[in-house]
């Protein structure tokens, strides 16, 4: 006779995981940190300033969240001394309400060369949202990276811009900036625009088709999560793919 337990109420790994996550979130500071990180990546210094606590106390809270699998830390590709804190979105599935919406006339995705990550992010955005979008670079390249074009084609995306453009020529005062490049985020001067940063690895540094496919996947997750939270001045609502 089979003695294996079949009790449907037997605790499982997902129950344990959710208990750990809820325990980690059971503090106002840690909950505020996660709310901030759900649409952007922030450095520890920026997080400490945002939640108005000393850096050593923030480090404790980040350690608790990381131990529960709620956040992860990555090194900037531009300045290796700098780190960014990212939320692990899967860990929060079904646990938290959506953050407050952001109003913007357009969403402008920016990176250094406007040749890969920013144009891919813009192409992805147009598949999930009616809020207008654009892309630009701080130092535009001469052309869009051919591997980015190939990656877009594989993902059935259409790249809107045939040639990279400068931030100075594209950005307007009522745009939301989404930087997808550590260098741009760290070098971009003071602007009055609302800003969100995503620390997305540069696929051109690896320069393989798989690296660009991975970048599309990363950006797709981020764009899909952000889109329902952005509304423009005419109250257009995001659309879903048919």
C-alpha atoms as a PDB file:
ATOM      1  CA  UNK A   1       0.000   0.000   0.000  1.00  0.00           C
ATOM      2  CA  UNK A   2       1.351   3.441  -0.920  1.00  0.00           C
ATOM      3  CA  UNK A   3       2.064   5.409   2.257  1.00  0.00           C
ATOM      4  CA  UNK A   4       2.918   8.661   0.481  1.00  0.00           C
ATOM      5  CA  UNK A   5       1.041  11.647   1.910  1.00  0.00           C
ATOM      6  CA  UNK A   6      -1.612  13.160  -0.313  1.00  0.00           C
ATOM      7  CA  UNK A   7      -3.037  15.673   2.158  1.00  0.00           C
ATOM      8  CA  UNK A   8      -3.923  18.792   0.059  1.00  0.00           C
ATOM      9  CA  UNK A   9      -3.296  21.023   3.083  1.00  0.00           C
ATOM     10  CA  UNK A  10       0.259  19.853   3.600  1.00  0.00           C
ATOM     11  CA  UNK A  11       2.557  22.917   3.660  1.00  0.00           C
ATOM     12  CA  UNK A  12       4.501  23.419   0.439  1.00  0.00           C
ATOM     13  CA  UNK A  13       7.443  25.510  -0.684  1.00  0.00           C
ATOM     14  CA  UNK A  14       5.248  28.285  -2.106  1.00  0.00           C
ATOM     15  CA  UNK A  15       3.509  28.720   1.255  1.00  0.00           C
ATOM     16  CA  UNK A  16       6.891  28.986   2.944  1.00  0.00           C
ATOM     17  CA  UNK A  17       8.061  31.490   0.325  1.00  0.00           C
ATOM     18  CA  UNK A  18       5.003  33.701   0.768  1.00  0.00           C
ATOM     19  CA  UNK A  19       5.397  33.595   4.540  1.00  0.00           C
ATOM     20  CA  UNK A  20       9.018  34.748   4.233  1.00  0.00           C
ATOM     21  CA  UNK A  21       8.071  37.565   1.876  1.00  0.00           C
ATOM     22  CA  UNK A  22       5.180  38.763   4.038  1.00  0.00           C
ATOM     23  CA  UNK A  23       7.443  38.655   7.090  1.00  0.00           C
ATOM     24  CA  UNK A  24      10.056  40.761   5.320  1.00  0.00           C
ATOM     25  CA  UNK A  25       7.411  43.271   4.257  1.00  0.00           C
ATOM     26  CA  UNK A  26       6.023  43.579   7.788  1.00  0.00           C
ATOM     27  CA  UNK A  27       7.854  46.848   8.421  1.00  0.00           C
ATOM     28  CA  UNK A  28       6.839  50.326   7.156  1.00  0.00           C
ATOM     29  CA  UNK A  29      10.343  51.172   5.926  1.00  0.00           C
ATOM     30  CA  UNK A  30      10.770  47.921   4.000  1.00  0.00           C
ATOM     31  CA  UNK A  31       7.304  48.268   2.490  1.00  0.00           C
ATOM     32  CA  UNK A  32       8.134  51.835   1.401  1.00  0.00           C
ATOM     33  CA  UNK A  33      11.392  50.611  -0.156  1.00  0.00           C
ATOM     34  CA  UNK A  34       9.580  47.958  -2.173  1.00  0.00           C
ATOM     35  CA  UNK A  35       6.913  50.435  -3.314  1.00  0.00           C
ATOM     36  CA  UNK A  36       9.681  52.693  -4.635  1.00  0.00           C
ATOM     37  CA  UNK A  37      11.441  49.849  -6.415  1.00  0.00           C
ATOM     38  CA  UNK A  38       8.424  48.392  -8.192  1.00  0.00           C
ATOM     39  CA  UNK A  39       8.834  50.707 -11.205  1.00  0.00           C
ATOM     40  CA  UNK A  40      12.487  51.759 -10.949  1.00  0.00           C
ATOM     41  CA  UNK A  41      15.960  50.710  -9.833  1.00  0.00           C
ATOM     42  CA  UNK A  42      17.624  52.926  -7.218  1.00  0.00           C
ATOM     43  CA  UNK A  43      21.047  53.157  -5.635  1.00  0.00           C
ATOM     44  CA  UNK A  44      21.227  52.615  -1.850  1.00  0.00           C
ATOM     45  CA  UNK A  45      22.034  56.318  -1.375  1.00  0.00           C
ATOM     46  CA  UNK A  46      18.946  57.348  -3.327  1.00  0.00           C
ATOM     47  CA  UNK A  47      16.816  54.884  -1.382  1.00  0.00           C
ATOM     48  CA  UNK A  48      18.122  56.136   1.973  1.00  0.00           C
ATOM     49  CA  UNK A  49      17.289  59.706   0.962  1.00  0.00           C
ATOM     50  CA  UNK A  50      13.845  58.732  -0.303  1.00  0.00           C
ATOM     51  CA  UNK A  51      12.802  56.937   2.893  1.00  0.00           C
ATOM     52  CA  UNK A  52      14.721  59.409   5.084  1.00  0.00           C
ATOM     53  CA  UNK A  53      16.804  56.980   7.133  1.00  0.00           C
ATOM     54  CA  UNK A  54      20.585  56.616   7.653  1.00  0.00           C
ATOM     55  CA  UNK A  55      22.508  54.394   5.277  1.00  0.00           C
ATOM     56  CA  UNK A  56      23.475  51.851   7.943  1.00  0.00           C
ATOM     57  CA  UNK A  57      19.825  51.356   8.926  1.00  0.00           C
ATOM     58  CA  UNK A  58      18.818  51.014   5.274  1.00  0.00           C
ATOM     59  CA  UNK A  59      21.499  48.327   4.846  1.00  0.00           C
ATOM     60  CA  UNK A  60      19.803  46.274   7.560  1.00  0.00           C
ATOM     61  CA  UNK A  61      16.411  46.540   5.844  1.00  0.00           C
ATOM     62  CA  UNK A  62      17.905  45.660   2.455  1.00  0.00           C
ATOM     63  CA  UNK A  63      19.560  42.587   3.927  1.00  0.00           C
ATOM     64  CA  UNK A  64      16.209  41.412   5.300  1.00  0.00           C
ATOM     65  CA  UNK A  65      14.517  41.932   1.934  1.00  0.00           C
ATOM     66  CA  UNK A  66      17.317  40.217   0.043  1.00  0.00           C
ATOM     67  CA  UNK A  67      17.270  37.212   2.370  1.00  0.00           C
ATOM     68  CA  UNK A  68      13.558  36.809   1.617  1.00  0.00           C
ATOM     69  CA  UNK A  69      14.194  36.994  -2.138  1.00  0.00           C
ATOM     70  CA  UNK A  70      12.337  40.297  -2.535  1.00  0.00           C
ATOM     71  CA  UNK A  71      15.241  42.364  -3.894  1.00  0.00           C
ATOM     72  CA  UNK A  72      18.561  41.874  -5.634  1.00  0.00           C
ATOM     73  CA  UNK A  73      21.575  44.147  -6.122  1.00  0.00           C
ATOM     74  CA  UNK A  74      23.536  44.712  -9.312  1.00  0.00           C
ATOM     75  CA  UNK A  75      26.687  46.663 -10.123  1.00  0.00           C
ATOM     76  CA  UNK A  76      26.457  49.609 -12.500  1.00  0.00           C
ATOM     77  CA  UNK A  77      28.007  48.844 -15.870  1.00  0.00           C
ATOM     78  CA  UNK A  78      29.177  52.459 -16.022  1.00  0.00           C
ATOM     79  CA  UNK A  79      30.657  52.931 -12.545  1.00  0.00           C
ATOM     80  CA  UNK A  80      31.402  49.588 -10.897  1.00  0.00           C
ATOM     81  CA  UNK A  81      31.575  51.260  -7.490  1.00  0.00           C
ATOM     82  CA  UNK A  82      27.859  52.032  -7.718  1.00  0.00           C
ATOM     83  CA  UNK A  83      25.132  49.460  -7.120  1.00  0.00           C
ATOM     84  CA  UNK A  84      21.444  49.459  -7.936  1.00  0.00           C
ATOM     85  CA  UNK A  85      18.727  47.756  -5.935  1.00  0.00           C
ATOM     86  CA  UNK A  86      16.037  45.959  -7.935  1.00  0.00           C
ATOM     87  CA  UNK A  87      12.807  44.332  -6.844  1.00  0.00           C
ATOM     88  CA  UNK A  88      12.300  40.669  -7.770  1.00  0.00           C
ATOM     89  CA  UNK A  89       8.804  41.090  -9.149  1.00  0.00           C
ATOM     90  CA  UNK A  90       7.885  37.396  -9.071  1.00  0.00           C
ATOM     91  CA  UNK A  91       8.298  37.360  -5.290  1.00  0.00           C
ATOM     92  CA  UNK A  92       5.448  39.874  -4.908  1.00  0.00           C
ATOM     93  CA  UNK A  93       2.885  38.127  -7.061  1.00  0.00           C
ATOM     94  CA  UNK A  94      -0.552  38.586  -5.493  1.00  0.00           C
ATOM     95  CA  UNK A  95       0.827  40.298  -2.393  1.00  0.00           C
ATOM     96  CA  UNK A  96       0.812  44.041  -3.078  1.00  0.00           C
ATOM     97  CA  UNK A  97      -1.467  46.642  -4.607  1.00  0.00           C
ATOM     98  CA  UNK A  98      -0.209  48.625  -7.586  1.00  0.00           C
ATOM     99  CA  UNK A  99       1.713  51.848  -6.848  1.00  0.00           C
ATOM    100  CA  UNK A 100       0.249  55.275  -7.576  1.00  0.00           C
ATOM    101  CA  UNK A 101      -0.187  56.118 -11.251  1.00  0.00           C
ATOM    102  CA  UNK A 102       2.112  58.567 -13.053  1.00  0.00           C
ATOM    103  CA  UNK A 103       0.815  61.130 -15.535  1.00  0.00           C
ATOM    104  CA  UNK A 104       2.971  61.987 -18.546  1.00  0.00           C
ATOM    105  CA  UNK A 105       2.503  63.257 -22.089  1.00  0.00           C
ATOM    106  CA  UNK A 106       5.015  60.727 -23.420  1.00  0.00           C
ATOM    107  CA  UNK A 107       7.385  58.070 -22.166  1.00  0.00           C
ATOM    108  CA  UNK A 108      10.912  58.609 -23.498  1.00  0.00           C
ATOM    109  CA  UNK A 109      13.331  55.695 -23.199  1.00  0.00           C
ATOM    110  CA  UNK A 110      16.959  56.810 -23.124  1.00  0.00           C
ATOM    111  CA  UNK A 111      20.360  55.136 -23.278  1.00  0.00           C
ATOM    112  CA  UNK A 112      23.803  56.237 -24.399  1.00  0.00           C
ATOM    113  CA  UNK A 113      23.696  55.450 -28.114  1.00  0.00           C
ATOM    114  CA  UNK A 114      19.945  55.044 -28.737  1.00  0.00           C
ATOM    115  CA  UNK A 115      20.875  51.976 -30.754  1.00  0.00           C
ATOM    116  CA  UNK A 116      19.627  48.972 -28.747  1.00  0.00           C
ATOM    117  CA  UNK A 117      17.971  49.026 -25.319  1.00  0.00           C
ATOM    118  CA  UNK A 118      16.067  52.299 -25.729  1.00  0.00           C
ATOM    119  CA  UNK A 119      14.716  51.483 -29.206  1.00  0.00           C
ATOM    120  CA  UNK A 120      13.735  47.974 -28.093  1.00  0.00           C
ATOM    121  CA  UNK A 121      11.980  49.393 -25.017  1.00  0.00           C
ATOM    122  CA  UNK A 122      10.087  51.868 -27.201  1.00  0.00           C
ATOM    123  CA  UNK A 123       9.028  49.084 -29.580  1.00  0.00           C
ATOM    124  CA  UNK A 124       7.795  46.980 -26.671  1.00  0.00           C
ATOM    125  CA  UNK A 125       5.952  49.932 -25.140  1.00  0.00           C
ATOM    126  CA  UNK A 126       3.906  50.475 -28.284  1.00  0.00           C
ATOM    127  CA  UNK A 127       2.564  46.912 -28.030  1.00  0.00           C
ATOM    128  CA  UNK A 128       1.046  47.438 -24.574  1.00  0.00           C
ATOM    129  CA  UNK A 129       0.187  51.134 -24.176  1.00  0.00           C
ATOM    130  CA  UNK A 130      -1.540  53.965 -26.031  1.00  0.00           C
ATOM    131  CA  UNK A 131       0.541  56.527 -24.123  1.00  0.00           C
ATOM    132  CA  UNK A 132       2.880  58.048 -26.740  1.00  0.00           C
ATOM    133  CA  UNK A 133       6.547  57.062 -26.615  1.00  0.00           C
ATOM    134  CA  UNK A 134       9.940  57.968 -28.049  1.00  0.00           C
ATOM    135  CA  UNK A 135      13.585  57.054 -27.572  1.00  0.00           C
ATOM    136  CA  UNK A 136      16.836  58.992 -27.555  1.00  0.00           C
ATOM    137  CA  UNK A 137      20.510  58.868 -26.626  1.00  0.00           C
ATOM    138  CA  UNK A 138      23.056  61.059 -24.890  1.00  0.00           C
ATOM    139  CA  UNK A 139      25.633  60.225 -27.570  1.00  0.00           C
ATOM    140  CA  UNK A 140      23.648  58.851 -30.522  1.00  0.00           C
ATOM    141  CA  UNK A 141      25.279  56.216 -32.685  1.00  0.00           C
ATOM    142  CA  UNK A 142      25.270  56.378 -36.464  1.00  0.00           C
ATOM    143  CA  UNK A 143      22.761  53.540 -36.763  1.00  0.00           C
ATOM    144  CA  UNK A 144      20.599  51.151 -34.757  1.00  0.00           C
ATOM    145  CA  UNK A 145      22.570  48.057 -33.759  1.00  0.00           C
ATOM    146  CA  UNK A 146      21.892  45.326 -36.375  1.00  0.00           C
ATOM    147  CA  UNK A 147      21.525  42.715 -33.619  1.00  0.00           C
ATOM    148  CA  UNK A 148      18.814  44.881 -32.038  1.00  0.00           C
ATOM    149  CA  UNK A 149      16.995  44.954 -35.373  1.00  0.00           C
ATOM    150  CA  UNK A 150      17.275  41.177 -35.610  1.00  0.00           C
ATOM    151  CA  UNK A 151      16.112  40.713 -32.015  1.00  0.00           C
ATOM    152  CA  UNK A 152      13.117  42.964 -32.678  1.00  0.00           C
ATOM    153  CA  UNK A 153      12.215  40.979 -35.766  1.00  0.00           C
ATOM    154  CA  UNK A 154      12.394  37.703 -33.833  1.00  0.00           C
ATOM    155  CA  UNK A 155      10.087  39.182 -31.187  1.00  0.00           C
ATOM    156  CA  UNK A 156       7.710  40.530 -33.878  1.00  0.00           C
ATOM    157  CA  UNK A 157       8.441  44.111 -32.844  1.00  0.00           C
ATOM    158  CA  UNK A 158       8.710  47.157 -35.070  1.00  0.00           C
ATOM    159  CA  UNK A 159      11.494  49.642 -34.342  1.00  0.00           C
ATOM    160  CA  UNK A 160      10.068  53.118 -34.919  1.00  0.00           C
ATOM    161  CA  UNK A 161      13.259  55.124 -35.373  1.00  0.00           C
ATOM    162  CA  UNK A 162      15.418  54.343 -38.376  1.00  0.00           C
ATOM    163  CA  UNK A 163      18.377  56.290 -36.969  1.00  0.00           C
ATOM    164  CA  UNK A 164      19.368  57.218 -33.382  1.00  0.00           C
ATOM    165  CA  UNK A 165      18.453  60.658 -32.086  1.00  0.00           C
ATOM    166  CA  UNK A 166      19.770  62.966 -29.378  1.00  0.00           C
ATOM    167  CA  UNK A 167      18.051  63.571 -26.061  1.00  0.00           C
ATOM    168  CA  UNK A 168      18.383  67.313 -26.692  1.00  0.00           C
ATOM    169  CA  UNK A 169      16.326  66.995 -29.878  1.00  0.00           C
ATOM    170  CA  UNK A 170      13.666  64.631 -28.529  1.00  0.00           C
ATOM    171  CA  UNK A 171      12.964  65.442 -24.882  1.00  0.00           C
ATOM    172  CA  UNK A 172      10.078  67.749 -23.949  1.00  0.00           C
ATOM    173  CA  UNK A 173       9.248  69.218 -20.568  1.00  0.00           C
ATOM    174  CA  UNK A 174       6.189  67.031 -19.971  1.00  0.00           C
ATOM    175  CA  UNK A 175       7.857  63.703 -20.839  1.00  0.00           C
ATOM    176  CA  UNK A 176       8.574  60.888 -18.404  1.00  0.00           C
ATOM    177  CA  UNK A 177      12.205  59.757 -18.777  1.00  0.00           C
ATOM    178  CA  UNK A 178      12.927  56.043 -18.445  1.00  0.00           C
ATOM    179  CA  UNK A 179      16.682  55.482 -18.544  1.00  0.00           C
ATOM    180  CA  UNK A 180      17.613  51.935 -19.514  1.00  0.00           C
ATOM    181  CA  UNK A 181      21.364  52.530 -19.287  1.00  0.00           C
ATOM    182  CA  UNK A 182      23.446  53.067 -16.142  1.00  0.00           C
ATOM    183  CA  UNK A 183      25.734  55.551 -17.892  1.00  0.00           C
ATOM    184  CA  UNK A 184      22.877  57.832 -18.935  1.00  0.00           C
ATOM    185  CA  UNK A 185      21.307  57.671 -15.496  1.00  0.00           C
ATOM    186  CA  UNK A 186      24.589  58.639 -13.849  1.00  0.00           C
ATOM    187  CA  UNK A 187      25.575  61.298 -16.396  1.00  0.00           C
ATOM    188  CA  UNK A 188      22.234  62.930 -17.173  1.00  0.00           C
ATOM    189  CA  UNK A 189      22.242  66.432 -15.798  1.00  0.00           C
ATOM    190  CA  UNK A 190      19.488  68.075 -13.761  1.00  0.00           C
ATOM    191  CA  UNK A 191      16.133  67.992 -15.521  1.00  0.00           C
ATOM    192  CA  UNK A 192      12.677  68.829 -14.259  1.00  0.00           C
ATOM    193  CA  UNK A 193      11.148  65.750 -15.884  1.00  0.00           C
ATOM    194  CA  UNK A 194      10.052  62.819 -13.735  1.00  0.00           C
ATOM    195  CA  UNK A 195      12.595  60.016 -14.067  1.00  0.00           C
ATOM    196  CA  UNK A 196      12.649  56.244 -13.691  1.00  0.00           C
ATOM    197  CA  UNK A 197      15.794  54.145 -14.029  1.00  0.00           C
ATOM    198  CA  UNK A 198      16.123  50.523 -15.125  1.00  0.00           C
ATOM    199  CA  UNK A 199      19.564  48.955 -14.753  1.00  0.00           C
ATOM    200  CA  UNK A 200      19.427  46.803 -17.885  1.00  0.00           C
ATOM    201  CA  UNK A 201      22.697  45.090 -18.945  1.00  0.00           C
ATOM    202  CA  UNK A 202      24.091  46.309 -22.270  1.00  0.00           C
ATOM    203  CA  UNK A 203      23.727  43.440 -24.777  1.00  0.00           C
ATOM    204  CA  UNK A 204      26.267  45.013 -27.133  1.00  0.00           C
ATOM    205  CA  UNK A 205      29.037  44.313 -24.611  1.00  0.00           C
ATOM    206  CA  UNK A 206      28.411  40.584 -25.094  1.00  0.00           C
ATOM    207  CA  UNK A 207      27.382  41.065 -28.738  1.00  0.00           C
ATOM    208  CA  UNK A 208      25.532  37.798 -29.261  1.00  0.00           C
ATOM    209  CA  UNK A 209      21.993  37.137 -30.447  1.00  0.00           C
ATOM    210  CA  UNK A 210      21.220  35.557 -27.076  1.00  0.00           C
ATOM    211  CA  UNK A 211      22.313  38.699 -25.208  1.00  0.00           C
ATOM    212  CA  UNK A 212      19.896  40.788 -27.267  1.00  0.00           C
ATOM    213  CA  UNK A 213      17.125  38.229 -26.784  1.00  0.00           C
ATOM    214  CA  UNK A 214      17.737  38.412 -23.032  1.00  0.00           C
ATOM    215  CA  UNK A 215      17.558  42.208 -23.173  1.00  0.00           C
ATOM    216  CA  UNK A 216      14.189  42.014 -24.954  1.00  0.00           C
ATOM    217  CA  UNK A 217      12.908  39.624 -22.281  1.00  0.00           C
ATOM    218  CA  UNK A 218      14.117  41.869 -19.441  1.00  0.00           C
ATOM    219  CA  UNK A 219      12.632  44.974 -21.034  1.00  0.00           C
ATOM    220  CA  UNK A 220       9.359  43.218 -21.829  1.00  0.00           C
ATOM    221  CA  UNK A 221       8.842  42.341 -18.149  1.00  0.00           C
ATOM    222  CA  UNK A 222       9.603  45.906 -17.064  1.00  0.00           C
ATOM    223  CA  UNK A 223       7.482  47.565 -19.751  1.00  0.00           C
ATOM    224  CA  UNK A 224       4.535  45.258 -19.054  1.00  0.00           C
ATOM    225  CA  UNK A 225       4.716  46.096 -15.353  1.00  0.00           C
ATOM    226  CA  UNK A 226       5.052  49.867 -15.871  1.00  0.00           C
ATOM    227  CA  UNK A 227       2.458  50.392 -18.619  1.00  0.00           C
ATOM    228  CA  UNK A 228      -0.718  50.100 -16.473  1.00  0.00           C
ATOM    229  CA  UNK A 229       0.697  52.751 -14.130  1.00  0.00           C
ATOM    230  CA  UNK A 230       1.259  55.444 -16.760  1.00  0.00           C
ATOM    231  CA  UNK A 231      -1.549  57.681 -18.011  1.00  0.00           C
ATOM    232  CA  UNK A 232      -1.279  60.688 -20.272  1.00  0.00           C
ATOM    233  CA  UNK A 233      -2.971  64.077 -20.090  1.00  0.00           C
ATOM    234  CA  UNK A 234      -5.946  62.962 -22.150  1.00  0.00           C
ATOM    235  CA  UNK A 235      -6.595  60.025 -19.787  1.00  0.00           C
ATOM    236  CA  UNK A 236      -5.891  57.420 -22.444  1.00  0.00           C
ATOM    237  CA  UNK A 237      -5.802  53.955 -20.961  1.00  0.00           C
ATOM    238  CA  UNK A 238      -3.236  51.266 -21.735  1.00  0.00           C
ATOM    239  CA  UNK A 239      -4.326  48.680 -24.256  1.00  0.00           C
ATOM    240  CA  UNK A 240      -3.684  44.982 -24.313  1.00  0.00           C
ATOM    241  CA  UNK A 241      -2.561  42.906 -27.217  1.00  0.00           C
ATOM    242  CA  UNK A 242      -5.456  41.279 -29.052  1.00  0.00           C
END
